[in-house]
């Protein structure tokens, strides 16, 4: 009778440890996923060199000839 009782308590001990590991894993996955979403939304959008060049031309910082020369260098 003692052997059966000891076996049950030992088995229950393992199950709650496994349950805790699963709970911690789920919490860790959720927190990590939330951090990745926050990090990606805080980063500004990166523009290509050509986009920057077009913006400078549109603002009048460079003329058409300079735009065409720099565009050739980029491509």
Protein backbone atom coordinates (compact mmCIF):
# COMPACT_ATOMS: atom_id res chain seq x y z
CA UNK A 1 0.00 0.00 0.00
CA UNK A 2 2.87 2.40 0.76
CA UNK A 3 4.47 1.68 -2.60
CA UNK A 4 1.33 2.76 -4.47
CA UNK A 5 1.03 5.99 -2.48
CA UNK A 6 4.70 6.83 -2.98
CA UNK A 7 4.39 6.21 -6.70
CA UNK A 8 1.43 8.56 -7.01
CA UNK A 9 3.09 11.42 -5.15
CA UNK A 10 6.27 11.03 -7.20
CA UNK A 11 4.29 11.09 -10.45
CA UNK A 12 2.31 14.16 -9.40
CA UNK A 13 5.55 15.95 -8.56
CA UNK A 14 6.86 15.45 -12.06
CA UNK A 15 3.62 16.58 -13.69
CA UNK A 16 3.47 19.91 -11.89
CA UNK A 17 7.11 20.59 -12.73
CA UNK A 18 6.38 19.83 -16.38
CA UNK A 19 3.29 22.06 -16.13
CA UNK A 20 5.38 24.92 -14.75
CA UNK A 21 7.90 24.51 -17.56
CA UNK A 22 5.09 24.69 -20.12
CA UNK A 23 3.60 27.80 -18.46
CA UNK A 24 7.00 29.54 -18.40
CA UNK A 25 7.62 28.60 -22.04
CA UNK A 26 4.26 30.03 -23.13
CA UNK A 27 4.85 33.27 -21.18
CA UNK A 28 8.36 33.57 -22.65
CA UNK A 29 7.07 33.08 -26.22
CA UNK A 30 4.33 35.69 -25.73
CA UNK A 31 6.72 38.27 -24.23
CA UNK A 32 9.32 37.66 -26.94
CA UNK A 33 6.69 38.06 -29.66
CA UNK A 34 5.45 41.32 -28.17
CA UNK A 35 9.01 42.69 -27.99
CA UNK A 36 9.66 41.83 -31.65
CA UNK A 37 6.48 43.66 -32.68
CA UNK A 38 7.49 46.74 -30.69
CA UNK A 39 11.03 46.77 -32.06
CA UNK A 40 9.94 46.50 -35.67
CA UNK A 41 7.34 49.28 -35.37
CA UNK A 42 9.81 51.72 -33.74
CA UNK A 43 12.36 51.54 -36.53
CA UNK A 44 12.00 54.15 -39.26
CA UNK A 45 11.51 53.01 -42.83
CA UNK A 46 14.82 52.88 -44.72
CA UNK A 47 14.93 54.54 -48.12
CA UNK A 48 17.06 53.43 -51.02
CA UNK A 49 19.79 55.68 -52.40
CA UNK A 50 17.67 56.41 -55.45
CA UNK A 51 14.72 57.47 -53.26
CA UNK A 52 16.96 59.87 -51.33
CA UNK A 53 18.28 61.27 -54.61
CA UNK A 54 14.74 61.75 -55.93
CA UNK A 55 13.75 63.54 -52.72
CA UNK A 56 16.72 65.90 -52.99
CA UNK A 57 15.82 66.66 -56.62
CA UNK A 58 12.19 67.24 -55.72
CA UNK A 59 13.18 69.68 -52.95
CA UNK A 60 15.42 71.56 -55.40
CA UNK A 61 18.68 70.76 -53.62
CA UNK A 62 20.22 69.46 -56.86
CA UNK A 63 19.54 70.30 -60.49
CA UNK A 64 18.54 67.90 -63.30
CA UNK A 65 22.09 67.45 -64.59
CA UNK A 66 23.44 66.59 -61.13
CA UNK A 67 20.48 64.26 -60.57
CA UNK A 68 21.19 62.36 -63.81
CA UNK A 69 24.94 62.09 -63.04
CA UNK A 70 24.36 60.75 -59.54
CA UNK A 71 21.65 58.41 -60.79
CA UNK A 72 24.16 56.85 -63.22
CA UNK A 73 26.62 56.38 -60.33
CA UNK A 74 23.98 54.58 -58.25
CA UNK A 75 22.87 52.25 -61.04
